[in-house]
C-alpha atoms as a PDB file:
ATOM      1  CA  MET A   1      -6.927  70.516 -99.687  1.00  0.00           C
ATOM      2  CA  ASN A   2      -6.974  68.329 -96.685  1.00  0.00           C
ATOM      3  CA  ILE A   3      -7.074  64.745 -97.453  1.00  0.00           C
ATOM      4  CA  THR A   4      -8.231  62.086 -94.820  1.00  0.00           C
ATOM      5  CA  ILE A   5      -7.112  58.749 -95.410  1.00  0.00           C
ATOM      6  CA  PHE A   6      -8.637  55.620 -93.269  1.00  0.00           C
ATOM      7  CA  GLY A   7      -6.134  53.041 -92.589  1.00  0.00           C
ATOM      8  CA  HIS A   8      -2.261  53.170 -92.901  1.00  0.00           C
ATOM      9  CA  GLY A   9      -1.308  50.058 -95.038  1.00  0.00           C
ATOM     10  CA  ASN A  10       1.162  49.799 -97.867  1.00  0.00           C
ATOM     11  CA  LEU A  11      -1.830  51.198-100.281  1.00  0.00           C
ATOM     12  CA  ALA A  12      -2.725  53.884 -97.972  1.00  0.00           C
ATOM     13  CA  THR A  13       0.772  55.207 -97.650  1.00  0.00           C
ATOM     14  CA  ALA A  14       1.154  55.056-101.428  1.00  0.00           C
ATOM     15  CA  VAL A  15      -1.919  57.140-102.318  1.00  0.00           C
ATOM     16  CA  GLY A  16      -1.052  59.473 -99.273  1.00  0.00           C
ATOM     17  CA  LYS A  17       2.110  59.955-100.654  1.00  0.00           C
ATOM     18  CA  ASN A  18       0.791  60.977-104.148  1.00  0.00           C
ATOM     19  CA  PHE A  19      -1.696  63.547-102.432  1.00  0.00           C
ATOM     20  CA  GLU A  20       1.493  64.872-100.593  1.00  0.00           C
ATOM     21  CA  LEU A  21       3.454  65.327-103.806  1.00  0.00           C
ATOM     22  CA  ALA A  22       0.498  67.348-105.204  1.00  0.00           C
ATOM     23  CA  GLY A  23       0.573  69.779-102.217  1.00  0.00           C
ATOM     24  CA  ASN A  24      -2.176  68.300-100.347  1.00  0.00           C
ATOM     25  CA  THR A  25      -2.381  68.070 -96.459  1.00  0.00           C
ATOM     26  CA  VAL A  26      -2.905  64.368 -95.797  1.00  0.00           C
ATOM     27  CA  GLN A  27      -3.954  63.173 -92.212  1.00  0.00           C
ATOM     28  CA  TYR A  28      -4.099  59.345 -91.713  1.00  0.00           C
ATOM     29  CA  ILE A  29      -6.818  57.737 -89.446  1.00  0.00           C
ATOM     30  CA  THR A  30      -6.216  54.357 -87.870  1.00  0.00           C
ATOM     31  CA  HIS A  31      -8.360  52.290 -85.609  1.00  0.00           C
ATOM     32  CA  GLU A  32      -5.448  52.072 -83.209  1.00  0.00           C
ATOM     33  CA  LYS A  33      -5.911  53.899 -79.881  1.00  0.00           C
ATOM     34  CA  VAL A  34      -3.406  56.167 -78.802  1.00  0.00           C
END
């Protein structure tokens, strides 16, 4: 499953890591302009 997480703080990173460990693809979306 593809998981999209808005933001990239400590909490978002921890949640994303749990999804990655479960075998999901995690994409982070931040408000920063690249």
